[in-house]
Amino acid sequence: MNPYAKLIFTMSLLLGTTMTISSNHWMMAWAGLEINTLAIIPLITKPHHP
């Protein structure tokens, strides 16, 4: 995976987590969880090395 893409997905994961923790409304918490879901999918689909 491209290092820049990995950085963007990791930063999106941190943004979603921060957004979920600091939200005052359920809609913002839901949006943060959706960002986390979209950011984690490419990170877990990379090939694993034994």
N, C-alpha and C. Protein backbone atom coordinates (compact mmCIF):
# COMPACT_ATOMS: atom_id res chain seq x y z
N MET A 1 0.85 -1.17 0.00
CA MET A 1 0.00 0.00 0.00
C MET A 1 0.89 1.24 0.00
N ASN A 2 0.46 2.23 -0.72
CA ASN A 2 1.16 3.49 -0.81
C ASN A 2 1.26 4.12 0.59
N PRO A 3 2.44 4.62 0.98
CA PRO A 3 2.56 5.21 2.33
C PRO A 3 1.63 6.40 2.55
N TYR A 4 1.39 7.18 1.50
CA TYR A 4 0.48 8.32 1.65
C TYR A 4 -0.96 7.85 1.87
N ALA A 5 -1.35 6.81 1.18
CA ALA A 5 -2.70 6.27 1.37
C ALA A 5 -2.85 5.71 2.78
N LYS A 6 -1.83 5.02 3.25
CA LYS A 6 -1.87 4.48 4.60
C LYS A 6 -1.97 5.61 5.63
N LEU A 7 -1.25 6.69 5.39
CA LEU A 7 -1.31 7.85 6.28
C LEU A 7 -2.70 8.47 6.28
N ILE A 8 -3.30 8.60 5.12
CA ILE A 8 -4.64 9.18 5.02
C ILE A 8 -5.67 8.31 5.74
N PHE A 9 -5.58 6.99 5.56
CA PHE A 9 -6.53 6.10 6.23
C PHE A 9 -6.33 6.11 7.74
N THR A 10 -5.09 6.18 8.18
CA THR A 10 -4.82 6.23 9.62
C THR A 10 -5.32 7.54 10.22
N MET A 11 -5.11 8.63 9.52
CA MET A 11 -5.60 9.92 10.02
C MET A 11 -7.13 9.95 10.02
N SER A 12 -7.75 9.32 9.03
CA SER A 12 -9.21 9.24 9.02
C SER A 12 -9.72 8.42 10.19
N LEU A 13 -8.99 7.37 10.52
CA LEU A 13 -9.36 6.54 11.67
C LEU A 13 -9.27 7.35 12.96
N LEU A 14 -8.22 8.13 13.10
CA LEU A 14 -8.08 8.97 14.29
C LEU A 14 -9.15 10.07 14.33
N LEU A 15 -9.46 10.64 13.18
CA LEU A 15 -10.51 11.66 13.10
C LEU A 15 -11.86 11.09 13.50
N GLY A 16 -12.19 9.92 12.99
CA GLY A 16 -13.47 9.29 13.33
C GLY A 16 -13.57 8.95 14.80
N THR A 17 -12.48 8.46 15.37
CA THR A 17 -12.48 8.13 16.80
C THR A 17 -12.65 9.38 17.64
N THR A 18 -11.92 10.43 17.30
CA THR A 18 -12.04 11.69 18.04
C THR A 18 -13.43 12.28 17.90
N MET A 19 -13.97 12.19 16.70
CA MET A 19 -15.31 12.71 16.46
C MET A 19 -16.36 11.94 17.25
N THR A 20 -16.20 10.63 17.34
CA THR A 20 -17.16 9.81 18.08
C THR A 20 -17.07 10.09 19.58
N ILE A 21 -15.87 10.21 20.10
CA ILE A 21 -15.70 10.43 21.54
C ILE A 21 -16.20 11.81 21.96
N SER A 22 -15.96 12.82 21.13
CA SER A 22 -16.28 14.19 21.54
C SER A 22 -17.65 14.67 21.08
N SER A 23 -18.46 13.79 20.52
CA SER A 23 -19.75 14.23 19.99
C SER A 23 -20.77 14.43 21.11
N ASN A 24 -21.65 15.39 20.88
CA ASN A 24 -22.73 15.65 21.82
C ASN A 24 -24.08 15.17 21.28
N HIS A 25 -24.10 14.78 20.05
CA HIS A 25 -25.34 14.37 19.41
C HIS A 25 -25.13 13.00 18.80
N TRP A 26 -26.17 12.19 18.78
CA TRP A 26 -26.03 10.83 18.27
C TRP A 26 -25.68 10.80 16.79
N MET A 27 -26.11 11.83 16.05
CA MET A 27 -25.82 11.86 14.61
C MET A 27 -24.32 12.05 14.36
N MET A 28 -23.68 12.87 15.16
CA MET A 28 -22.23 13.07 15.01
C MET A 28 -21.47 11.81 15.45
N ALA A 29 -21.96 11.14 16.48
CA ALA A 29 -21.33 9.89 16.90
C ALA A 29 -21.46 8.84 15.80
N TRP A 30 -22.62 8.79 15.17
CA TRP A 30 -22.84 7.85 14.07
C TRP A 30 -21.93 8.18 12.89
N ALA A 31 -21.78 9.46 12.58
CA ALA A 31 -20.90 9.87 11.48
C ALA A 31 -19.45 9.48 11.77
N GLY A 32 -19.03 9.64 13.02
CA GLY A 32 -17.68 9.23 13.40
C GLY A 32 -17.48 7.73 13.26
N LEU A 33 -18.48 6.95 13.62
CA LEU A 33 -18.39 5.50 13.46
C LEU A 33 -18.35 5.10 11.99
N GLU A 34 -19.08 5.82 11.16
CA GLU A 34 -19.05 5.54 9.72
C GLU A 34 -17.68 5.87 9.13
N ILE A 35 -17.08 6.96 9.56
CA ILE A 35 -15.73 7.30 9.10
C ILE A 35 -14.75 6.21 9.52
N ASN A 36 -14.89 5.72 10.74
CA ASN A 36 -14.03 4.63 11.21
C ASN A 36 -14.21 3.38 10.35
N THR A 37 -15.44 3.07 10.02
CA THR A 37 -15.70 1.88 9.20
C THR A 37 -15.07 2.02 7.82
N LEU A 38 -15.23 3.18 7.21
CA LEU A 38 -14.67 3.38 5.88
C LEU A 38 -13.14 3.45 5.90
N ALA A 39 -12.56 3.87 7.02
CA ALA A 39 -11.11 3.97 7.10
C ALA A 39 -10.45 2.63 7.42
N ILE A 40 -11.13 1.76 8.14
CA ILE A 40 -10.51 0.51 8.57
C ILE A 40 -10.54 -0.55 7.46
N ILE A 41 -11.50 -0.47 6.56
CA ILE A 41 -11.64 -1.50 5.52
C ILE A 41 -10.37 -1.62 4.66
N PRO A 42 -9.81 -0.54 4.12
CA PRO A 42 -8.58 -0.71 3.33
C PRO A 42 -7.38 -1.18 4.17
N LEU A 43 -7.37 -0.81 5.44
CA LEU A 43 -6.23 -1.21 6.28
C LEU A 43 -6.25 -2.70 6.60
N ILE A 44 -7.43 -3.30 6.71
CA ILE A 44 -7.48 -4.73 7.04
C ILE A 44 -7.46 -5.61 5.80
N THR A 45 -7.61 -5.04 4.61
CA THR A 45 -7.60 -5.86 3.40
C THR A 45 -6.23 -5.97 2.78
N LYS A 46 -5.22 -5.33 3.34
CA LYS A 46 -3.88 -5.46 2.77
C LYS A 46 -3.37 -6.88 3.00
N PRO A 47 -2.50 -7.37 2.13
CA PRO A 47 -2.01 -8.75 2.28
C PRO A 47 -1.17 -8.92 3.55
N HIS A 48 -1.37 -10.04 4.19
CA HIS A 48 -0.65 -10.34 5.42
C HIS A 48 0.62 -11.13 5.09
N HIS A 49 1.65 -10.88 5.86
CA HIS A 49 2.90 -11.62 5.69
C HIS A 49 3.02 -12.63 6.82
N PRO A 50 3.43 -13.84 6.50
CA PRO A 50 3.54 -14.86 7.56
C PRO A 50 4.69 -14.61 8.51
